[in-house]
Amino acid sequence: MNFIDGRYVAGRGEAFANHFPTTGEVTGEIRAADRDQVDAAVGAAKAALKGPWGRMSVPERMTLLRKLADGINARFDEFLAAEIRDTGKPRSIASHIDIPRGAANFNVFADQVSVLGTESFAQPTPDGTGALNYAVRMPRGVIAVICPWNLPLLLMTWKVAPALACGNTVVVKPSEETPATATLLGEVMNDVGIPAGVYNVVHGRGPGCAGEFLTSHSGVDGITFTGETRTGEAIMAAAARGVRPVSLELGGKNPGIVFDDADFDKTMEGIGRACFANTGQVCLGTERMYVQRGIFDRIAEGLAEKARAFRFGDPFDKATTMGPVISEEHRSKVLSYYERAKGEGATVIAGGGVPELQGFEGGYWVEPTVWTGLPESSPIVQEEIFGPCTHLTPFDTEEEAIELANASPYGLATSIWTENLTRGHRIAAAVDAGITWVNCWFLRDLRTPFGGSKASGIGREGGVHSMEFYSELRNVCIKL
């Protein structure tokens, strides 16, 4: 169901099935919002800006944001079940990351808006009286929030929370693969007293459907999107009409660099997560590893052991540590790269196929996979696969490692593994990436800037950086 102006509304557009990725079974039908319903959602969001929501003080909005966090946590098990049914990810992951972080984002940005300041300047004027300039931070307006399927609740509230904190209203278009938690959040919005029209959800696909209707709508004042680069380019083109600002967090082909002085155990724990977490469906994941030659064989075998150790199965079972990929289509894409790697002569150290799982044969399973032996020109090394796989390449010198890491159109994230802190600082400054971790991976302080360079996106989110996108500064000059 779509959620428009505080009410659930059946879609009038195309219908498509929702699948449980673990088994492939159909769990329900989704009916997309048609163009008129998207227009109604944008209209409701526009009207809410002029209603009680637009007149609320910052402390009043902060109180409601905190109630939203409490409301999600109060229905934790419902959100958890919905997320698992949509994504197939194990309970062990979703219960510790997706739902807690999805709720926490509202508290984080309530804290942020409470200390958000602007600037003022006093200056002399020719007549000696002077002038005072100060900035006023205003909501941008109606924000279109286009969400991915890999971390549906977490990445949706990562955008909705700062947008609401700044006084905007939103129209959310979740992925057609993972519609449940965005829809369920509408109930919490009503329960805690968020005015109608502030939060809206429209379902559907992208081109020729709800996504295109929303991003091309003249009533939308800003667009934020997380997803693949080609879709981001299409959204950016749509945003050019009307000169709407965009925040784009796009694809990556992230490098990891391991030097021969790295702590082995710490490195293996970190890169094991970086390469395979969430079945490799993490924009920050590491699909290409560069390892100093003296430790190459040891790292390769250690990573292969990590790949072989995952337990597949029922995502509701706490013992399950790896789920399927999101869809049959995505599974076909990932497996096509697996076959291509073999065809190009890659050495398969671990995985490379499909696990045999009794009772889950219809699910979208792939094996965690480690390759070596391919040239840097290979599509396996250059193109984002978005699966649980990585390719290892040896290097000899620091300069060579930097050159290899930067030889990509993407620039989202990297991790560097060394016990030489001076080297860590030096490499971090030299690698083209919006986010660099040294001796860790995915360790996040939510106040820090988050985003990529080159084909990995435009803009930064997190802390005050989110607030800069979701608000506009107006300067006021007073002659004294």
Protein backbone atom coordinates (compact mmCIF):
# COMPACT_ATOMS: atom_id res chain seq x y z
CA MET A 1 0.00 0.00 0.00
CA ASN A 2 1.10 3.56 -0.72
CA PHE A 3 1.02 6.03 2.15
CA ILE A 4 -0.25 9.43 1.03
CA ASP A 5 -1.34 12.35 3.22
CA GLY A 6 -1.47 10.19 6.35
CA ARG A 7 -3.57 7.40 4.80
CA TYR A 8 -2.89 4.05 3.16
CA VAL A 9 -3.98 4.02 -0.46
CA ALA A 10 -4.02 1.13 -2.94
CA GLY A 11 -1.93 1.81 -6.02
CA ARG A 12 -3.51 2.25 -9.41
CA GLY A 13 -0.40 1.46 -11.46
CA GLU A 14 1.25 -1.78 -12.49
CA ALA A 15 1.24 -4.78 -10.15
CA PHE A 16 4.29 -6.91 -9.44
CA ALA A 17 5.13 -9.71 -7.03
CA ASN A 18 7.17 -9.41 -3.86
CA HIS A 19 9.48 -12.40 -3.29
CA PHE A 20 11.17 -13.92 -0.23
CA PRO A 21 14.77 -14.19 -1.47
CA THR A 22 15.54 -17.18 0.76
CA THR A 23 13.07 -19.46 -1.02
CA GLY A 24 11.92 -17.47 -4.05
CA GLU A 25 8.30 -17.77 -2.95
CA VAL A 26 5.85 -14.94 -3.63
CA THR A 27 4.92 -13.21 -0.37
CA GLY A 28 2.55 -10.59 -1.76
CA GLU A 29 1.64 -8.24 -4.55
CA ILE A 30 2.73 -4.62 -4.84
CA ARG A 31 0.68 -2.19 -6.87
CA ALA A 32 2.54 0.89 -7.96
CA ALA A 33 1.35 4.45 -7.56
CA ASP A 34 0.28 5.97 -10.87
CA ARG A 35 1.19 9.48 -11.99
CA ASP A 36 -1.88 11.04 -10.35
CA GLN A 37 -1.08 9.38 -7.03
CA VAL A 38 2.53 10.58 -7.14
CA ASP A 39 1.15 14.04 -7.86
CA ALA A 40 -1.17 13.69 -4.86
CA ALA A 41 1.76 12.69 -2.63
CA VAL A 42 3.81 15.69 -3.73
CA GLY A 43 0.77 17.93 -3.27
CA ALA A 44 0.20 16.61 0.25
CA ALA A 45 3.86 17.20 1.09
CA LYS A 46 3.67 20.73 -0.30
CA ALA A 47 0.51 21.50 1.68
CA ALA A 48 2.04 20.16 4.91
CA LEU A 49 4.81 22.75 4.65
CA LYS A 50 2.14 25.44 5.10
CA GLY A 51 0.28 23.63 7.90
CA PRO A 52 1.14 22.78 11.51
CA TRP A 53 4.42 21.14 10.49
CA GLY A 54 5.69 24.34 8.90
CA ARG A 55 4.87 26.31 12.07
CA MET A 56 6.58 23.92 14.49
CA SER A 57 9.60 25.05 16.45
CA VAL A 58 12.85 23.13 16.37
CA PRO A 59 12.31 21.71 19.90
CA GLU A 60 8.88 20.46 18.86
CA ARG A 61 10.33 18.70 15.81
CA MET A 62 13.11 17.22 17.95
CA THR A 63 10.54 15.74 20.31
CA LEU A 64 8.69 14.10 17.44
CA LEU A 65 11.90 12.70 15.94
CA ARG A 66 12.76 11.08 19.26
CA LYS A 67 9.25 9.63 19.45
CA LEU A 68 9.78 8.13 16.00
CA ALA A 69 12.93 6.37 17.24
CA ASP A 70 11.03 5.07 20.26
CA GLY A 71 8.13 4.00 18.04
CA ILE A 72 10.37 1.90 15.79
CA ASN A 73 12.03 0.29 18.79
CA ALA A 74 8.66 -0.43 20.38
CA ARG A 75 7.76 -2.41 17.25
CA PHE A 76 11.24 -3.78 16.75
CA ASP A 77 10.13 -7.35 16.02
CA GLU A 78 7.64 -6.20 13.37
CA PHE A 79 10.25 -4.12 11.57
CA LEU A 80 12.79 -6.94 11.88
CA ALA A 81 10.43 -9.54 10.39
CA ALA A 82 9.45 -7.20 7.56
CA GLU A 83 13.09 -6.48 6.71
CA ILE A 84 14.07 -10.14 6.75
CA ARG A 85 11.13 -11.15 4.56
CA ASP A 86 12.02 -8.48 2.01
CA THR A 87 15.81 -8.97 1.94
CA GLY A 88 16.46 -12.52 3.15
CA LYS A 89 19.32 -11.22 5.29
CA PRO A 90 20.05 -13.14 8.49
CA ARG A 91 18.47 -12.13 11.76
CA SER A 92 21.99 -11.92 13.22
CA ILE A 93 22.70 -8.97 10.90
CA ALA A 94 19.34 -7.21 10.67
CA SER A 95 18.75 -7.24 14.43
CA HIS A 96 22.12 -5.64 15.17
CA ILE A 97 22.46 -3.20 12.27
CA ASP A 98 19.41 -2.51 10.11
CA ILE A 99 16.66 -1.93 12.67
CA PRO A 100 18.70 -0.36 15.53
CA ARG A 101 20.45 2.04 13.13
CA GLY A 102 17.19 2.75 11.33
CA ALA A 103 15.69 3.93 14.61
CA ALA A 104 18.86 5.64 15.87
CA ASN A 105 19.04 7.93 12.84
CA PHE A 106 16.09 9.91 14.20
CA ASN A 107 17.86 10.48 17.52
CA VAL A 108 21.14 11.34 15.80
CA PHE A 109 19.61 14.09 13.69
CA ALA A 110 17.45 15.37 16.53
CA ASP A 111 20.74 15.92 18.37
CA GLN A 112 22.29 17.51 15.29
CA VAL A 113 19.54 20.04 14.65
CA SER A 114 19.59 21.09 18.31
CA VAL A 115 23.14 22.45 17.95
CA LEU A 116 22.98 23.57 14.32
CA GLY A 117 24.09 27.17 13.97
CA THR A 118 24.70 29.71 11.23
CA GLU A 119 27.00 32.72 10.98
CA SER A 120 26.79 36.48 11.41
CA PHE A 121 29.05 39.39 10.47
CA ALA A 122 29.20 43.01 11.55
CA GLN A 123 30.76 45.45 9.09
CA PRO A 124 31.29 49.21 8.83
CA THR A 125 29.46 51.24 6.20
CA PRO A 126 30.56 54.52 4.56
CA ASP A 127 28.31 56.60 6.80
CA GLY A 128 29.80 54.98 9.90
CA THR A 129 26.61 53.32 11.12
CA GLY A 130 27.54 49.78 10.10
CA ALA A 131 25.52 46.74 9.11
CA LEU A 132 24.76 43.35 10.56
CA ASN A 133 24.56 40.29 8.31
CA TYR A 134 23.15 37.03 9.59
CA ALA A 135 22.05 33.78 8.00
CA VAL A 136 18.70 32.06 8.50
CA ARG A 137 18.42 28.35 7.80
CA MET A 138 15.18 27.41 6.00
CA PRO A 139 13.74 24.05 4.90
CA ARG A 140 14.40 23.25 1.26
CA GLY A 141 10.80 22.07 0.72
CA VAL A 142 9.56 18.75 -0.64
CA ILE A 143 12.34 16.15 -0.80
CA ALA A 144 12.13 13.09 -3.04
CA VAL A 145 13.86 10.20 -1.24
CA ILE A 146 14.83 7.31 -3.55
CA CYS A 147 16.03 4.32 -1.52
CA PRO A 148 18.02 1.16 -2.32
CA TRP A 149 17.23 -2.45 -1.41
CA ASN A 150 20.40 -3.48 0.40
CA LEU A 151 19.76 -1.63 3.70
CA PRO A 152 16.16 -0.50 3.23
CA LEU A 153 15.19 0.96 6.62
CA LEU A 154 18.64 2.18 7.60
CA LEU A 155 19.35 4.10 4.39
CA MET A 156 15.78 5.41 4.15
CA THR A 157 15.83 6.94 7.65
CA TRP A 158 19.40 8.16 7.01
CA LYS A 159 17.72 10.56 4.56
CA VAL A 160 14.26 11.06 6.06
CA ALA A 161 15.54 11.91 9.56
CA PRO A 162 17.70 14.92 8.58
CA ALA A 163 15.09 16.05 6.05
CA LEU A 164 12.41 16.17 8.75
CA ALA A 165 14.82 17.64 11.31
CA CYS A 166 15.32 20.61 8.98
CA GLY A 167 11.55 21.07 8.57
CA ASN A 168 11.11 19.54 5.10
CA THR A 169 8.46 17.10 4.00
CA VAL A 170 9.26 13.92 2.07
CA VAL A 171 7.95 11.59 -0.59
CA VAL A 172 9.77 8.26 -0.30
CA LYS A 173 10.09 5.82 -3.20
CA PRO A 174 11.51 2.61 -1.72
CA SER A 175 12.98 -0.08 -3.94
CA GLU A 176 10.32 -2.28 -5.48
CA GLU A 177 12.29 -5.21 -4.02
CA THR A 178 11.98 -4.01 -0.40
CA PRO A 179 8.78 -2.01 0.18
CA ALA A 180 7.75 -3.22 3.64
CA THR A 181 9.58 -1.15 6.25
CA ALA A 182 9.00 2.21 4.53
CA THR A 183 5.30 1.35 4.44
CA LEU A 184 5.22 0.22 8.07
CA LEU A 185 6.89 3.45 9.16
CA GLY A 186 3.74 5.31 8.06
CA GLU A 187 1.90 3.72 10.99
CA VAL A 188 4.55 4.97 13.41
CA MET A 189 4.37 8.45 11.87
CA ASN A 190 0.63 8.55 12.59
CA ASP A 191 1.03 7.02 16.05
CA VAL A 192 3.47 9.69 17.28
CA GLY A 193 1.57 12.63 15.79
CA ILE A 194 3.54 13.56 12.67
CA PRO A 195 1.06 15.71 10.69
CA ALA A 196 -0.49 14.22 7.56
CA GLY A 197 1.49 14.91 4.39
CA VAL A 198 4.87 15.20 6.09
CA TYR A 199 5.83 11.60 5.27
CA ASN A 200 4.54 9.95 2.10
CA VAL A 201 5.44 6.66 0.41
CA VAL A 202 4.85 5.77 -3.24
CA HIS A 203 5.69 2.34 -4.62
CA GLY A 204 6.84 1.34 -8.06
CA ARG A 205 9.77 0.90 -10.35
CA GLY A 206 11.95 3.64 -11.82
CA PRO A 207 11.68 4.42 -15.55
CA GLY A 208 8.11 5.03 -16.72
CA CYS A 209 6.79 4.45 -13.22
CA ALA A 210 6.70 6.04 -9.77
CA GLY A 211 10.42 6.77 -9.66
CA GLU A 212 10.38 8.77 -12.89
CA PHE A 213 7.07 10.46 -12.01
CA LEU A 214 8.57 11.61 -8.71
CA THR A 215 12.01 12.80 -9.84
CA SER A 216 10.54 14.72 -12.80
CA HIS A 217 7.78 16.35 -10.73
CA SER A 218 8.00 20.14 -10.72
CA GLY A 219 6.78 20.27 -7.10
CA VAL A 220 9.87 18.42 -5.81
CA ASP A 221 12.50 20.80 -4.42
CA GLY A 222 15.39 18.36 -3.93
CA ILE A 223 16.25 14.74 -4.70
CA THR A 224 18.37 12.35 -2.67
CA PHE A 225 19.28 8.94 -4.06
CA THR A 226 21.40 5.95 -3.12
CA GLY A 227 21.94 3.31 -5.79
CA GLU A 228 23.81 2.44 -8.95
CA THR A 229 25.61 5.07 -10.98
CA ARG A 230 23.53 4.73 -14.17
CA THR A 231 20.32 5.40 -12.27
CA GLY A 232 22.01 8.34 -10.56
CA GLU A 233 22.87 9.81 -13.95
CA ALA A 234 19.22 9.55 -15.03
CA ILE A 235 18.06 11.22 -11.81
CA MET A 236 20.61 13.99 -12.25
CA ALA A 237 19.31 14.62 -15.77
CA ALA A 238 15.74 14.78 -14.45
CA ALA A 239 16.79 17.17 -11.68
CA ALA A 240 18.32 19.54 -14.23
CA ARG A 241 14.79 20.45 -15.30
CA GLY A 242 13.84 23.06 -12.74
CA VAL A 243 17.42 23.20 -11.39
CA ARG A 244 16.74 21.01 -8.35
CA PRO A 245 19.68 20.07 -6.10
CA VAL A 246 20.67 16.41 -5.83
CA SER A 247 22.54 14.29 -3.31
CA LEU A 248 23.80 11.11 -4.98
CA GLU A 249 25.52 8.20 -3.25
CA LEU A 250 26.33 5.87 -6.12
CA GLY A 251 28.35 2.78 -6.99
CA GLY A 252 31.82 1.73 -6.05
CA LYS A 253 34.56 -0.74 -6.87
CA ASN A 254 36.36 -0.25 -3.61
CA PRO A 255 40.00 -1.24 -3.10
CA GLY A 256 41.55 -2.67 0.03
CA ILE A 257 45.32 -2.37 0.49
CA VAL A 258 47.20 -4.79 2.76
CA PHE A 259 50.86 -4.12 3.59
CA ASP A 260 53.23 -6.80 4.83
CA ASP A 261 53.44 -5.24 8.30
CA ALA A 262 49.67 -5.52 8.89
CA ASP A 263 48.40 -7.42 11.92
CA PHE A 264 47.19 -10.67 10.36
CA ASP A 265 44.29 -11.49 12.67
CA LYS A 266 42.97 -7.95 12.73
CA THR A 267 43.26 -7.71 8.95
CA MET A 268 41.50 -11.00 8.30
CA GLU A 269 38.59 -10.08 10.57
CA GLY A 270 38.25 -6.72 8.81
CA ILE A 271 38.61 -7.76 5.19
CA GLY A 272 36.45 -10.84 5.77
CA ARG A 273 33.61 -8.48 6.64
CA ALA A 274 34.53 -5.95 3.95
CA CYS A 275 34.35 -8.54 1.17
CA PHE A 276 31.37 -10.63 2.24
CA ALA A 277 29.11 -8.73 4.69
CA ASN A 278 25.43 -8.61 3.70
CA THR A 279 26.23 -11.10 0.91
CA GLY A 280 28.47 -8.46 -0.65
CA GLN A 281 25.52 -6.11 -1.14
CA VAL A 282 27.17 -3.11 0.52
CA CYS A 283 28.20 -0.04 -1.47
CA LEU A 284 31.27 0.24 0.77
CA GLY A 285 32.29 -3.39 0.27
CA THR A 286 35.71 -4.43 -1.05
CA GLU A 287 35.64 -6.18 -4.44
CA ARG A 288 39.33 -5.73 -5.21
CA MET A 289 42.19 -6.39 -2.78
CA TYR A 290 45.80 -5.38 -3.26
CA VAL A 291 48.21 -7.35 -1.08
CA GLN A 292 51.95 -6.86 -0.71
CA ARG A 293 53.69 -9.77 -2.38
CA GLY A 294 55.47 -11.18 0.68
CA ILE A 295 52.18 -12.01 2.44
CA PHE A 296 49.99 -12.56 -0.62
CA ASP A 297 49.58 -16.34 -0.30
CA ARG A 298 48.85 -16.19 3.42
CA ILE A 299 46.19 -13.46 2.99
CA ALA A 300 44.63 -15.27 0.03
CA GLU A 301 44.25 -18.52 1.94
CA GLY A 302 43.02 -16.71 5.06
CA LEU A 303 40.34 -14.94 3.05
CA ALA A 304 39.35 -18.20 1.39
CA GLU A 305 38.88 -19.74 4.84
CA LYS A 306 36.60 -16.83 5.77
CA ALA A 307 34.57 -17.42 2.60
CA ARG A 308 34.16 -21.14 3.34
CA ALA A 309 33.09 -20.56 6.95
CA PHE A 310 29.73 -18.87 6.30
CA ARG A 311 26.57 -20.73 7.21
CA PHE A 312 23.61 -20.45 4.85
CA GLY A 313 19.99 -21.20 5.71
CA ASP A 314 16.88 -19.85 7.39
CA PRO A 315 17.42 -16.11 8.01
CA PHE A 316 15.30 -16.28 11.16
CA ASP A 317 17.76 -18.81 12.63
CA LYS A 318 20.37 -17.00 14.74
CA ALA A 319 23.03 -19.45 13.54
CA THR A 320 22.70 -18.33 9.90
CA THR A 321 25.50 -15.96 8.92
CA MET A 322 24.88 -15.38 5.19
CA GLY A 323 21.69 -14.87 3.26
CA PRO A 324 20.85 -14.89 -0.45
CA VAL A 325 21.17 -11.98 -2.83
CA ILE A 326 18.09 -9.83 -3.27
CA SER A 327 16.48 -11.25 -6.42
CA GLU A 328 16.67 -13.81 -9.19
CA GLU A 329 17.72 -11.06 -11.60
CA HIS A 330 20.57 -9.95 -9.35
CA ARG A 331 21.64 -13.56 -8.78
CA SER A 332 21.88 -14.01 -12.55
CA LYS A 333 24.03 -10.89 -12.77
CA VAL A 334 26.42 -12.04 -10.02
CA LEU A 335 26.68 -15.56 -11.44
CA SER A 336 27.39 -14.15 -14.90
CA TYR A 337 30.50 -12.50 -13.44
CA TYR A 338 31.43 -15.79 -11.74
CA GLU A 339 31.28 -17.54 -15.13
CA ARG A 340 33.14 -14.75 -16.85
CA ALA A 341 35.94 -14.92 -14.29
CA LYS A 342 36.36 -18.63 -15.01
CA GLY A 343 36.26 -17.95 -18.74
CA GLU A 344 39.00 -15.35 -18.43
CA GLY A 345 41.23 -17.82 -16.60
CA ALA A 346 40.89 -16.62 -13.02
CA THR A 347 42.20 -18.87 -10.27
CA VAL A 348 39.21 -19.62 -8.04
CA ILE A 349 40.52 -19.95 -4.48
CA ALA A 350 37.09 -20.30 -2.89
CA GLY A 351 33.48 -20.43 -4.03
CA GLY A 352 32.60 -19.57 -7.59
CA GLY A 353 29.20 -21.23 -7.73
CA VAL A 354 25.94 -21.92 -5.91
CA PRO A 355 25.66 -23.67 -2.53
CA GLU A 356 23.41 -26.72 -2.23
CA LEU A 357 20.76 -26.04 0.43
CA GLN A 358 18.06 -28.57 1.15
CA GLY A 359 14.71 -26.84 1.60
CA PHE A 360 15.90 -23.55 0.10
CA GLU A 361 16.50 -24.62 -3.50
CA GLY A 362 14.38 -21.80 -4.91
CA GLY A 363 16.34 -19.08 -3.11
CA TYR A 364 18.76 -16.65 -4.69
CA TRP A 365 21.96 -18.13 -3.29
CA VAL A 366 25.55 -17.60 -4.41
CA GLU A 367 28.82 -18.69 -2.84
CA PRO A 368 31.29 -16.19 -1.34
CA THR A 369 34.09 -16.17 -3.88
CA VAL A 370 37.78 -15.27 -3.98
CA TRP A 371 39.75 -14.98 -7.24
CA THR A 372 43.30 -14.21 -8.26
CA GLY A 373 45.16 -14.08 -11.55
CA LEU A 374 43.17 -11.60 -13.64
CA PRO A 375 44.60 -8.43 -15.22
CA GLU A 376 43.46 -5.02 -14.00
CA SER A 377 41.68 -4.50 -17.32
CA SER A 378 39.26 -7.36 -16.61
CA PRO A 379 35.60 -6.42 -16.01
CA ILE A 380 35.83 -8.55 -12.85
CA VAL A 381 38.30 -5.98 -11.49
CA GLN A 382 36.76 -2.87 -13.03
CA GLU A 383 32.97 -3.28 -12.78
CA GLU A 384 30.81 -3.27 -9.65
CA ILE A 385 29.38 -6.77 -9.14
CA PHE A 386 27.61 -6.15 -5.81
CA GLY A 387 28.00 -9.72 -4.66
CA PRO A 388 30.08 -11.61 -2.06
CA CYS A 389 33.27 -11.71 -4.10
CA THR A 390 36.69 -10.15 -4.37
CA HIS A 391 39.78 -10.35 -6.59
CA LEU A 392 43.29 -10.33 -5.09
CA THR A 393 46.29 -8.77 -6.85
CA PRO A 394 49.87 -8.61 -5.51
CA PHE A 395 51.92 -5.41 -5.38
CA ASP A 396 55.50 -4.58 -4.42
CA THR A 397 55.74 -0.88 -3.57
CA GLU A 398 53.60 1.74 -1.91
CA GLU A 399 53.50 3.77 -5.12
CA GLU A 400 52.26 0.76 -7.07
CA ALA A 401 49.49 0.14 -4.53
CA ILE A 402 48.27 3.74 -4.84
CA GLU A 403 48.30 3.58 -8.64
CA LEU A 404 46.32 0.33 -8.64
CA ALA A 405 43.80 1.60 -6.11
CA ASN A 406 43.15 4.79 -8.10
CA ALA A 407 42.82 3.07 -11.49
CA SER A 408 39.01 3.10 -11.35
CA PRO A 409 36.21 5.43 -12.41
CA TYR A 410 34.81 5.09 -8.87
CA GLY A 411 35.96 6.72 -5.65
CA LEU A 412 33.73 5.72 -2.78
CA ALA A 413 35.71 3.93 -0.06
CA THR A 414 38.95 2.15 0.75
CA SER A 415 40.56 0.35 3.65
CA ILE A 416 44.30 0.35 4.42
CA TRP A 417 45.95 -2.28 6.60
CA THR A 418 49.33 -1.45 8.12
CA GLU A 419 50.90 -1.06 11.55
CA ASN A 420 52.91 1.93 10.24
CA LEU A 421 50.67 4.86 11.19
CA THR A 422 52.69 7.36 9.15
CA ARG A 423 52.16 5.20 6.08
CA GLY A 424 48.45 4.94 6.93
CA HIS A 425 48.08 8.73 6.92
CA ARG A 426 50.11 9.04 3.73
CA ILE A 427 48.13 6.44 1.77
CA ALA A 428 44.81 7.80 3.05
CA ALA A 429 45.64 11.18 1.54
CA ALA A 430 46.71 9.66 -1.77
CA VAL A 431 43.82 7.30 -2.55
CA ASP A 432 40.82 8.76 -4.42
CA ALA A 433 38.01 7.92 -2.00
CA GLY A 434 35.40 9.78 -0.03
CA ILE A 435 35.81 7.42 2.93
CA THR A 436 39.06 5.81 4.08
CA TRP A 437 39.45 3.34 6.93
CA VAL A 438 42.83 2.44 8.42
CA ASN A 439 42.95 -0.95 10.18
CA CYS A 440 39.17 -1.16 10.26
CA TRP A 441 36.15 -1.25 7.97
CA PHE A 442 32.62 0.19 8.28
CA LEU A 443 33.43 1.87 11.59
CA ARG A 444 31.07 4.83 11.40
CA ASP A 445 30.74 8.05 13.37
CA LEU A 446 27.44 9.44 12.07
CA ARG A 447 28.66 13.04 12.42
CA THR A 448 31.33 12.58 9.76
CA PRO A 449 30.97 13.29 6.01
CA PHE A 450 29.74 10.30 4.01
CA GLY A 451 29.88 10.12 0.23
CA GLY A 452 32.04 9.40 -2.78
CA SER A 453 34.06 11.08 -5.49
CA LYS A 454 34.28 10.57 -9.26
CA ALA A 455 31.48 8.23 -10.46
CA SER A 456 30.60 7.35 -6.87
CA GLY A 457 28.44 10.37 -6.28
CA ILE A 458 27.87 14.02 -5.48
CA GLY A 459 27.56 15.60 -2.08
CA ARG A 460 28.03 14.44 1.48
CA GLU A 461 25.64 13.16 4.12
CA GLY A 462 26.11 12.77 7.87
CA GLY A 463 26.03 15.29 10.70
CA VAL A 464 26.00 18.91 9.63
CA HIS A 465 26.74 17.84 6.04
CA SER A 466 23.25 16.34 5.76
CA MET A 467 21.78 19.54 7.14
CA GLU A 468 23.51 21.55 4.42
CA PHE A 469 21.65 19.59 1.75
CA TYR A 470 18.27 19.51 3.47
CA SER A 471 18.20 23.25 4.20
CA GLU A 472 18.92 26.54 2.48
CA LEU A 473 20.70 29.55 3.95
CA ARG A 474 19.19 32.99 3.48
CA ASN A 475 21.26 36.02 4.27
CA VAL A 476 19.70 39.01 6.00
CA CYS A 477 21.51 42.37 5.99
CA ILE A 478 20.39 45.00 8.52
CA LYS A 479 21.77 48.53 8.20
CA LEU A 480 22.37 49.82 11.71
